[in-house]
């Protein structure tokens, strides 16, 4: 009968959590690398507050232009846009800017209580057109938009 050496026991103790971690987190990590998409750069009219709406797959519209690695989505004065390009699938680090035509001011998409200006992104479909919507404004403006009575708990105090 073979004897277990103390080194074998230590190796087993160290490798077991790693193996369990690979089983549980491996698919998530692989998904991060396999489902990347080109990032988008959203150009929003300066000072706009409200919902943005982008329609993808509109055959009569122009495809999205590029600035380097970014797909550029230029919103009109009502914060809407149409493109023949498809809605990119996967994840990426998108950028949002207030655009005056002469200068761009970056908008944060940080989470709750962090001064973000981009909220509530949703996607939907209407026939062959994919629609992306998100709210542009402060966290308080977004909360008032989705809960005018103020009944939703605010984690910011």
N, C-alpha and C. Protein backbone atom coordinates (compact mmCIF):
# COMPACT_ATOMS: atom_id res chain seq x y z
N UNK A 1 0.85 -1.18 0.00
CA UNK A 1 0.00 0.00 0.00
C UNK A 1 0.90 1.24 0.00
N UNK A 2 0.56 2.24 -0.83
CA UNK A 2 1.38 3.44 -0.95
C UNK A 2 1.13 4.38 0.22
N UNK A 3 2.21 5.04 0.65
CA UNK A 3 2.08 6.01 1.73
C UNK A 3 1.91 7.40 1.14
N UNK A 4 1.09 8.21 1.81
CA UNK A 4 0.94 9.61 1.40
C UNK A 4 2.03 10.43 2.07
N UNK A 5 2.72 11.20 1.31
CA UNK A 5 3.73 12.09 1.87
C UNK A 5 3.08 13.41 2.24
N UNK A 6 3.68 14.11 3.17
CA UNK A 6 3.10 15.39 3.60
C UNK A 6 3.03 16.38 2.44
N UNK A 7 3.97 16.30 1.51
CA UNK A 7 3.94 17.18 0.34
C UNK A 7 2.72 16.92 -0.53
N UNK A 8 2.32 15.66 -0.65
CA UNK A 8 1.13 15.31 -1.43
C UNK A 8 -0.13 15.85 -0.78
N UNK A 9 -0.19 15.79 0.53
CA UNK A 9 -1.36 16.30 1.25
C UNK A 9 -1.46 17.82 1.08
N UNK A 10 -0.34 18.51 1.20
CA UNK A 10 -0.33 19.97 1.02
C UNK A 10 -0.76 20.32 -0.40
N UNK A 11 -0.25 19.62 -1.38
CA UNK A 11 -0.62 19.86 -2.77
C UNK A 11 -2.11 19.65 -2.98
N UNK A 12 -2.66 18.61 -2.40
CA UNK A 12 -4.09 18.34 -2.50
C UNK A 12 -4.90 19.47 -1.85
N UNK A 13 -4.48 19.92 -0.66
CA UNK A 13 -5.20 20.97 0.06
C UNK A 13 -5.17 22.28 -0.73
N UNK A 14 -4.07 22.58 -1.37
CA UNK A 14 -3.96 23.82 -2.16
C UNK A 14 -4.72 23.70 -3.47
N UNK A 15 -4.65 22.56 -4.13
CA UNK A 15 -5.26 22.43 -5.45
C UNK A 15 -6.77 22.27 -5.41
N UNK A 16 -7.32 21.74 -4.33
CA UNK A 16 -8.76 21.54 -4.25
C UNK A 16 -9.55 22.85 -4.39
N UNK A 17 -9.21 23.92 -3.64
CA UNK A 17 -9.95 25.19 -3.84
C UNK A 17 -9.77 25.75 -5.25
N UNK A 18 -8.58 25.57 -5.83
CA UNK A 18 -8.35 26.05 -7.19
C UNK A 18 -9.23 25.30 -8.18
N UNK A 19 -9.33 24.00 -8.02
CA UNK A 19 -10.17 23.19 -8.89
C UNK A 19 -11.64 23.57 -8.75
N UNK A 20 -12.09 23.76 -7.53
CA UNK A 20 -13.48 24.18 -7.29
C UNK A 20 -13.73 25.56 -7.92
N UNK A 21 -12.77 26.47 -7.75
CA UNK A 21 -12.90 27.79 -8.35
C UNK A 21 -12.98 27.73 -9.87
N UNK A 22 -12.18 26.88 -10.48
CA UNK A 22 -12.21 26.72 -11.94
C UNK A 22 -13.57 26.21 -12.41
N UNK A 23 -14.12 25.26 -11.68
CA UNK A 23 -15.41 24.69 -12.05
C UNK A 23 -16.51 25.74 -11.98
N UNK A 24 -16.51 26.54 -10.91
CA UNK A 24 -17.59 27.52 -10.72
C UNK A 24 -17.37 28.82 -11.50
N UNK A 25 -16.13 29.32 -11.55
CA UNK A 25 -15.88 30.62 -12.17
C UNK A 25 -15.30 30.52 -13.59
N UNK A 26 -14.83 29.37 -13.98
CA UNK A 26 -14.24 29.19 -15.31
C UNK A 26 -15.16 29.61 -16.45
N UNK A 27 -16.43 29.15 -16.46
CA UNK A 27 -17.31 29.55 -17.56
C UNK A 27 -17.53 31.07 -17.62
N UNK A 28 -17.61 31.72 -16.46
CA UNK A 28 -17.80 33.17 -16.44
C UNK A 28 -16.59 33.88 -17.03
N UNK A 29 -15.40 33.46 -16.62
CA UNK A 29 -14.17 34.08 -17.13
C UNK A 29 -14.04 33.84 -18.64
N UNK A 30 -14.35 32.65 -19.09
CA UNK A 30 -14.29 32.35 -20.53
C UNK A 30 -15.28 33.23 -21.29
N UNK A 31 -16.47 33.44 -20.72
CA UNK A 31 -17.48 34.28 -21.37
C UNK A 31 -16.98 35.71 -21.54
N UNK A 32 -16.25 36.22 -20.55
CA UNK A 32 -15.70 37.58 -20.64
C UNK A 32 -14.77 37.73 -21.83
N UNK A 33 -14.00 36.71 -22.10
CA UNK A 33 -13.04 36.79 -23.21
C UNK A 33 -13.66 36.45 -24.56
N UNK A 34 -14.67 35.61 -24.58
CA UNK A 34 -15.24 35.16 -25.84
C UNK A 34 -16.35 36.06 -26.37
N UNK A 35 -16.98 36.86 -25.53
CA UNK A 35 -18.12 37.67 -25.96
C UNK A 35 -17.82 39.17 -25.93
N UNK A 36 -16.63 39.53 -26.31
CA UNK A 36 -16.28 40.94 -26.42
C UNK A 36 -16.84 41.48 -27.72
N UNK A 37 -17.11 42.77 -27.74
CA UNK A 37 -17.61 43.44 -28.94
C UNK A 37 -16.86 44.76 -29.08
N UNK A 38 -16.94 45.38 -30.25
CA UNK A 38 -16.32 46.70 -30.36
C UNK A 38 -17.05 47.68 -29.43
N UNK A 39 -16.32 48.51 -28.71
CA UNK A 39 -16.99 49.48 -27.84
C UNK A 39 -17.67 50.56 -28.66
N UNK A 40 -18.70 51.15 -28.06
CA UNK A 40 -19.42 52.25 -28.71
C UNK A 40 -19.08 53.56 -28.03
N UNK A 41 -19.13 54.63 -28.80
CA UNK A 41 -18.92 55.99 -28.29
C UNK A 41 -20.21 56.75 -28.60
N UNK A 42 -20.97 57.09 -27.57
CA UNK A 42 -22.24 57.78 -27.73
C UNK A 42 -22.03 59.28 -27.62
N UNK A 43 -22.43 60.01 -28.65
CA UNK A 43 -22.32 61.48 -28.67
C UNK A 43 -23.72 62.05 -28.48
N UNK A 44 -23.93 62.69 -27.33
CA UNK A 44 -25.24 63.16 -26.89
C UNK A 44 -25.26 64.68 -26.92
N UNK A 45 -26.34 65.28 -27.41
CA UNK A 45 -26.39 66.74 -27.43
C UNK A 45 -26.12 67.33 -26.04
N UNK A 46 -25.26 68.34 -25.97
CA UNK A 46 -24.89 68.94 -24.68
C UNK A 46 -26.12 69.37 -23.90
N UNK A 47 -26.13 68.99 -22.62
CA UNK A 47 -27.19 69.40 -21.72
C UNK A 47 -28.44 68.54 -21.77
N UNK A 48 -28.53 67.59 -22.69
CA UNK A 48 -29.74 66.77 -22.82
C UNK A 48 -29.95 65.95 -21.55
N UNK A 49 -31.20 65.92 -21.07
CA UNK A 49 -31.60 65.06 -19.95
C UNK A 49 -32.86 64.33 -20.39
N UNK A 50 -32.85 63.02 -20.26
CA UNK A 50 -34.01 62.21 -20.65
C UNK A 50 -33.56 60.90 -21.26
N UNK A 51 -34.49 60.24 -21.90
CA UNK A 51 -34.23 58.92 -22.48
C UNK A 51 -33.63 59.04 -23.88
N UNK A 52 -32.62 58.23 -24.14
CA UNK A 52 -32.05 58.09 -25.49
C UNK A 52 -32.62 56.82 -26.10
N UNK A 53 -32.78 56.84 -27.42
CA UNK A 53 -33.30 55.67 -28.13
C UNK A 53 -32.52 55.50 -29.43
N UNK A 54 -31.90 54.33 -29.57
CA UNK A 54 -31.16 54.00 -30.78
C UNK A 54 -31.80 52.79 -31.41
N UNK A 55 -32.12 52.90 -32.70
CA UNK A 55 -32.72 51.79 -33.45
C UNK A 55 -31.66 51.19 -34.37
N UNK A 56 -31.40 49.91 -34.20
CA UNK A 56 -30.41 49.18 -34.99
C UNK A 56 -31.12 48.30 -36.02
N UNK A 57 -30.50 48.14 -37.17
CA UNK A 57 -31.06 47.27 -38.20
C UNK A 57 -32.09 47.95 -39.07
N UNK A 58 -32.08 49.29 -39.12
CA UNK A 58 -32.99 50.05 -39.98
C UNK A 58 -32.35 50.11 -41.36
N UNK A 59 -32.93 49.41 -42.33
CA UNK A 59 -32.28 49.26 -43.64
C UNK A 59 -32.08 50.58 -44.38
N UNK A 60 -32.92 51.57 -44.15
CA UNK A 60 -32.79 52.84 -44.87
C UNK A 60 -31.78 53.79 -44.22
N UNK A 61 -31.21 53.42 -43.08
CA UNK A 61 -30.26 54.28 -42.36
C UNK A 61 -28.82 53.93 -42.71
N UNK A 62 -27.91 54.80 -42.34
CA UNK A 62 -26.48 54.59 -42.59
C UNK A 62 -25.87 53.67 -41.52
N UNK A 63 -24.81 52.93 -41.87
CA UNK A 63 -24.12 52.15 -40.84
C UNK A 63 -23.38 53.09 -39.88
N UNK A 64 -23.03 52.57 -38.71
CA UNK A 64 -22.30 53.38 -37.74
C UNK A 64 -20.88 53.62 -38.21
N UNK A 65 -20.42 54.88 -38.14
CA UNK A 65 -19.01 55.15 -38.47
C UNK A 65 -18.12 54.72 -37.30
N UNK A 66 -16.82 54.75 -37.55
CA UNK A 66 -15.85 54.38 -36.51
C UNK A 66 -14.91 55.54 -36.24
N UNK A 67 -14.48 55.61 -34.98
CA UNK A 67 -13.37 56.46 -34.56
C UNK A 67 -12.39 55.52 -33.87
N UNK A 68 -11.37 55.11 -34.59
CA UNK A 68 -10.45 54.12 -34.05
C UNK A 68 -11.19 52.82 -33.81
N UNK A 69 -11.13 52.32 -32.59
CA UNK A 69 -11.80 51.06 -32.26
C UNK A 69 -13.27 51.24 -31.89
N UNK A 70 -13.75 52.48 -31.80
CA UNK A 70 -15.11 52.76 -31.34
C UNK A 70 -16.12 52.89 -32.48
N UNK A 71 -17.31 52.30 -32.28
CA UNK A 71 -18.46 52.58 -33.15
C UNK A 71 -19.08 53.87 -32.63
N UNK A 72 -19.31 54.83 -33.51
CA UNK A 72 -19.80 56.14 -33.08
C UNK A 72 -21.32 56.22 -33.29
N UNK A 73 -22.02 56.50 -32.19
CA UNK A 73 -23.47 56.66 -32.24
C UNK A 73 -23.75 58.13 -31.92
N UNK A 74 -24.08 58.90 -32.95
CA UNK A 74 -24.35 60.34 -32.78
C UNK A 74 -25.86 60.52 -32.66
N UNK A 75 -26.29 61.00 -31.50
CA UNK A 75 -27.71 61.20 -31.23
C UNK A 75 -28.15 62.59 -31.69
N UNK A 76 -29.38 62.69 -32.21
CA UNK A 76 -29.90 63.99 -32.63
C UNK A 76 -30.37 64.78 -31.40
N UNK A 77 -30.97 65.96 -31.62
CA UNK A 77 -31.34 66.83 -30.49
C UNK A 77 -32.40 66.22 -29.59
N UNK A 78 -33.09 65.18 -30.07
CA UNK A 78 -34.07 64.47 -29.24
C UNK A 78 -33.47 63.19 -28.66
N UNK A 79 -32.16 63.05 -28.79
CA UNK A 79 -31.40 61.89 -28.29
C UNK A 79 -31.88 60.58 -28.93
N UNK A 80 -32.10 60.62 -30.23
CA UNK A 80 -32.44 59.39 -30.95
C UNK A 80 -31.52 59.23 -32.15
N UNK A 81 -31.41 57.99 -32.60
CA UNK A 81 -30.58 57.69 -33.77
C UNK A 81 -31.08 56.40 -34.40
N UNK A 82 -30.82 56.27 -35.69
CA UNK A 82 -31.12 55.05 -36.43
C UNK A 82 -29.88 54.65 -37.21
N UNK A 83 -29.67 53.35 -37.32
CA UNK A 83 -28.53 52.84 -38.07
C UNK A 83 -28.89 51.50 -38.71
N UNK A 84 -28.25 51.23 -39.84
CA UNK A 84 -28.43 49.92 -40.46
C UNK A 84 -27.54 48.87 -39.79
N UNK A 85 -26.59 49.31 -39.00
CA UNK A 85 -25.73 48.38 -38.27
C UNK A 85 -26.56 47.58 -37.27
N UNK A 86 -26.10 46.37 -36.99
CA UNK A 86 -26.76 45.56 -35.98
C UNK A 86 -26.35 46.00 -34.59
N UNK A 87 -27.20 45.71 -33.60
CA UNK A 87 -26.88 45.99 -32.21
C UNK A 87 -25.74 45.06 -31.80
N UNK A 88 -24.59 45.62 -31.42
CA UNK A 88 -23.46 44.76 -31.04
C UNK A 88 -23.81 43.91 -29.82
N UNK A 89 -23.45 42.63 -29.88
CA UNK A 89 -23.70 41.70 -28.78
C UNK A 89 -22.41 41.50 -28.00
N UNK A 90 -22.52 41.26 -26.71
CA UNK A 90 -21.37 41.02 -25.87
C UNK A 90 -21.11 42.20 -24.96
N UNK A 91 -19.91 42.27 -24.43
CA UNK A 91 -19.59 43.35 -23.51
C UNK A 91 -18.42 44.17 -24.03
N UNK A 92 -18.38 45.41 -23.60
CA UNK A 92 -17.29 46.32 -23.93
C UNK A 92 -17.38 47.52 -23.00
N UNK A 93 -16.36 48.32 -22.97
CA UNK A 93 -16.35 49.54 -22.16
C UNK A 93 -16.76 50.70 -23.07
N UNK A 94 -18.06 51.01 -23.06
CA UNK A 94 -18.57 52.09 -23.90
C UNK A 94 -18.23 53.46 -23.30
N UNK A 95 -18.25 54.47 -24.16
CA UNK A 95 -18.01 55.84 -23.72
C UNK A 95 -19.24 56.69 -24.04
N UNK A 96 -19.51 57.67 -23.18
CA UNK A 96 -20.63 58.57 -23.34
C UNK A 96 -20.11 60.00 -23.21
N UNK A 97 -20.53 60.87 -24.14
CA UNK A 97 -20.08 62.25 -24.13
C UNK A 97 -21.24 63.19 -24.39
N UNK A 98 -21.24 64.35 -23.70
CA UNK A 98 -22.03 65.48 -24.15
C UNK A 98 -21.23 66.10 -25.28
N UNK A 99 -21.87 66.34 -26.43
CA UNK A 99 -21.18 66.85 -27.62
C UNK A 99 -21.83 68.16 -28.06
N UNK A 100 -21.04 69.24 -28.05
CA UNK A 100 -21.56 70.54 -28.47
C UNK A 100 -21.26 70.82 -29.94
N UNK A 101 -20.56 69.93 -30.59
CA UNK A 101 -20.12 70.16 -31.96
C UNK A 101 -18.71 70.72 -31.99
N UNK A 102 -18.33 71.43 -30.93
CA UNK A 102 -16.98 71.98 -30.82
C UNK A 102 -16.15 71.27 -29.78
N UNK A 103 -16.82 70.71 -28.78
CA UNK A 103 -16.10 70.03 -27.70
C UNK A 103 -16.94 68.86 -27.18
N UNK A 104 -16.26 67.90 -26.61
CA UNK A 104 -16.92 66.74 -25.99
C UNK A 104 -16.58 66.72 -24.50
N UNK A 105 -17.62 66.50 -23.70
CA UNK A 105 -17.44 66.38 -22.26
C UNK A 105 -17.84 64.97 -21.84
N UNK A 106 -16.90 64.20 -21.25
CA UNK A 106 -17.23 62.82 -20.89
C UNK A 106 -18.30 62.75 -19.81
N UNK A 107 -19.17 61.76 -19.94
CA UNK A 107 -20.21 61.48 -18.95
C UNK A 107 -19.88 60.17 -18.27
N UNK A 108 -19.99 60.14 -16.97
CA UNK A 108 -19.68 58.93 -16.22
C UNK A 108 -20.86 57.96 -16.27
N UNK A 109 -20.56 56.69 -16.39
CA UNK A 109 -21.60 55.66 -16.25
C UNK A 109 -21.33 54.83 -15.00
N UNK A 110 -20.78 55.51 -13.98
CA UNK A 110 -20.51 54.87 -12.69
C UNK A 110 -21.83 54.45 -12.06
N UNK A 111 -21.76 53.55 -11.13
CA UNK A 111 -22.96 53.01 -10.49
C UNK A 111 -23.58 53.95 -9.47
N UNK A 112 -24.50 53.40 -8.71
CA UNK A 112 -25.24 54.15 -7.70
C UNK A 112 -24.31 54.87 -6.75
N UNK A 113 -24.67 56.10 -6.41
CA UNK A 113 -23.97 56.92 -5.41
C UNK A 113 -22.58 57.35 -5.86
N UNK A 114 -22.27 57.25 -7.15
CA UNK A 114 -20.92 57.57 -7.63
C UNK A 114 -20.91 58.69 -8.66
N UNK A 115 -22.00 59.42 -8.81
CA UNK A 115 -22.02 60.54 -9.73
C UNK A 115 -22.24 60.19 -11.19
N UNK A 116 -22.82 59.05 -11.46
CA UNK A 116 -23.05 58.63 -12.84
C UNK A 116 -24.08 59.50 -13.55
N UNK A 117 -24.05 59.45 -14.87
CA UNK A 117 -24.99 60.20 -15.72
C UNK A 117 -25.72 59.31 -16.72
N UNK A 118 -25.43 58.00 -16.74
CA UNK A 118 -26.06 57.07 -17.67
C UNK A 118 -26.72 55.98 -16.83
N UNK A 119 -28.03 55.73 -17.09
CA UNK A 119 -28.81 54.84 -16.23
C UNK A 119 -29.79 53.99 -17.04
N UNK A 120 -30.17 52.88 -16.48
CA UNK A 120 -31.31 52.09 -16.95
C UNK A 120 -31.24 51.60 -18.38
N UNK A 121 -30.09 51.14 -18.82
CA UNK A 121 -29.97 50.68 -20.20
C UNK A 121 -30.79 49.41 -20.41
N UNK A 122 -31.62 49.43 -21.45
CA UNK A 122 -32.43 48.27 -21.81
C UNK A 122 -32.39 48.07 -23.32
N UNK A 123 -32.58 46.84 -23.74
CA UNK A 123 -32.70 46.55 -25.17
C UNK A 123 -34.00 45.79 -25.40
N UNK A 124 -34.56 45.99 -26.59
CA UNK A 124 -35.79 45.30 -26.96
C UNK A 124 -35.80 45.13 -28.47
N UNK A 125 -36.84 44.49 -28.98
CA UNK A 125 -36.99 44.28 -30.42
C UNK A 125 -38.39 44.65 -30.86
N UNK A 126 -38.47 45.22 -32.04
CA UNK A 126 -39.74 45.46 -32.73
C UNK A 126 -39.56 44.96 -34.15
N UNK A 127 -40.11 43.79 -34.43
CA UNK A 127 -39.92 43.11 -35.71
C UNK A 127 -38.44 42.87 -35.93
N UNK A 128 -37.84 43.37 -36.99
CA UNK A 128 -36.43 43.11 -37.26
C UNK A 128 -35.52 44.21 -36.70
N UNK A 129 -36.08 45.17 -36.02
CA UNK A 129 -35.30 46.29 -35.48
C UNK A 129 -35.01 46.05 -34.00
N UNK A 130 -33.73 46.19 -33.62
CA UNK A 130 -33.33 46.11 -32.21
C UNK A 130 -33.25 47.53 -31.67
N UNK A 131 -33.72 47.72 -30.46
CA UNK A 131 -33.78 49.06 -29.85
C UNK A 131 -32.99 49.06 -28.56
N UNK A 132 -32.16 50.08 -28.40
CA UNK A 132 -31.41 50.29 -27.17
C UNK A 132 -31.87 51.61 -26.57
N UNK A 133 -32.17 51.61 -25.27
CA UNK A 133 -32.57 52.83 -24.57
C UNK A 133 -31.75 52.98 -23.30
N UNK A 134 -31.48 54.21 -22.93
CA UNK A 134 -30.86 54.50 -21.64
C UNK A 134 -31.21 55.93 -21.25
N UNK A 135 -31.12 56.21 -19.96
CA UNK A 135 -31.45 57.53 -19.44
C UNK A 135 -30.17 58.32 -19.24
N UNK A 136 -30.23 59.60 -19.59
CA UNK A 136 -29.10 60.51 -19.43
C UNK A 136 -29.52 61.56 -18.41
N UNK A 137 -28.77 61.67 -17.33
CA UNK A 137 -29.06 62.65 -16.29
C UNK A 137 -28.45 62.20 -14.98
N UNK A 138 -28.66 62.99 -13.95
CA UNK A 138 -28.12 62.64 -12.65
C UNK A 138 -28.89 61.47 -12.05
N UNK A 139 -28.34 60.90 -11.01
CA UNK A 139 -29.02 59.80 -10.33
C UNK A 139 -30.37 60.25 -9.80
N UNK A 140 -30.45 61.46 -9.23
CA UNK A 140 -31.73 61.98 -8.72
C UNK A 140 -32.74 62.15 -9.86
N UNK A 141 -32.30 62.66 -11.00
CA UNK A 141 -33.20 62.81 -12.15
C UNK A 141 -33.72 61.46 -12.62
N UNK A 142 -32.85 60.46 -12.65
CA UNK A 142 -33.27 59.12 -13.05
C UNK A 142 -34.28 58.56 -12.06
N UNK A 143 -33.99 58.69 -10.77
CA UNK A 143 -34.92 58.18 -9.75
C UNK A 143 -36.30 58.84 -9.89
N UNK A 144 -36.33 60.14 -10.13
CA UNK A 144 -37.61 60.84 -10.29
C UNK A 144 -38.32 60.39 -11.57
N UNK A 145 -37.56 60.03 -12.59
CA UNK A 145 -38.14 59.56 -13.84
C UNK A 145 -38.83 58.20 -13.66
N UNK A 146 -38.18 57.30 -12.96
CA UNK A 146 -38.71 55.95 -12.83
C UNK A 146 -39.58 55.76 -11.58
N UNK A 147 -39.47 56.68 -10.61
CA UNK A 147 -40.25 56.58 -9.37
C UNK A 147 -40.60 57.98 -8.88
N UNK A 148 -41.55 58.65 -9.56
CA UNK A 148 -41.88 60.05 -9.20
C UNK A 148 -42.35 60.21 -7.75
N UNK A 149 -42.94 59.18 -7.17
CA UNK A 149 -43.43 59.27 -5.79
C UNK A 149 -42.29 59.10 -4.78
N UNK A 150 -41.12 58.69 -5.22
CA UNK A 150 -39.98 58.55 -4.33
C UNK A 150 -40.10 57.39 -3.36
N UNK A 151 -40.77 56.33 -3.76
CA UNK A 151 -40.99 55.20 -2.86
C UNK A 151 -39.85 54.18 -2.88
N UNK A 152 -38.99 54.26 -3.89
CA UNK A 152 -37.90 53.30 -4.01
C UNK A 152 -36.78 53.69 -3.04
N UNK A 153 -36.24 52.71 -2.38
CA UNK A 153 -35.14 52.91 -1.45
C UNK A 153 -33.92 53.48 -2.15
N UNK A 154 -33.29 54.48 -1.54
CA UNK A 154 -32.06 55.05 -2.09
C UNK A 154 -30.89 54.59 -1.24
N UNK A 155 -29.94 53.86 -1.83
CA UNK A 155 -28.79 53.39 -1.05
C UNK A 155 -27.82 54.50 -0.68
N UNK A 156 -28.03 55.69 -1.25
CA UNK A 156 -27.09 56.78 -1.02
C UNK A 156 -27.43 57.61 0.21
N UNK A 157 -28.56 57.34 0.81
CA UNK A 157 -28.91 58.05 2.04
C UNK A 157 -29.80 59.20 1.88
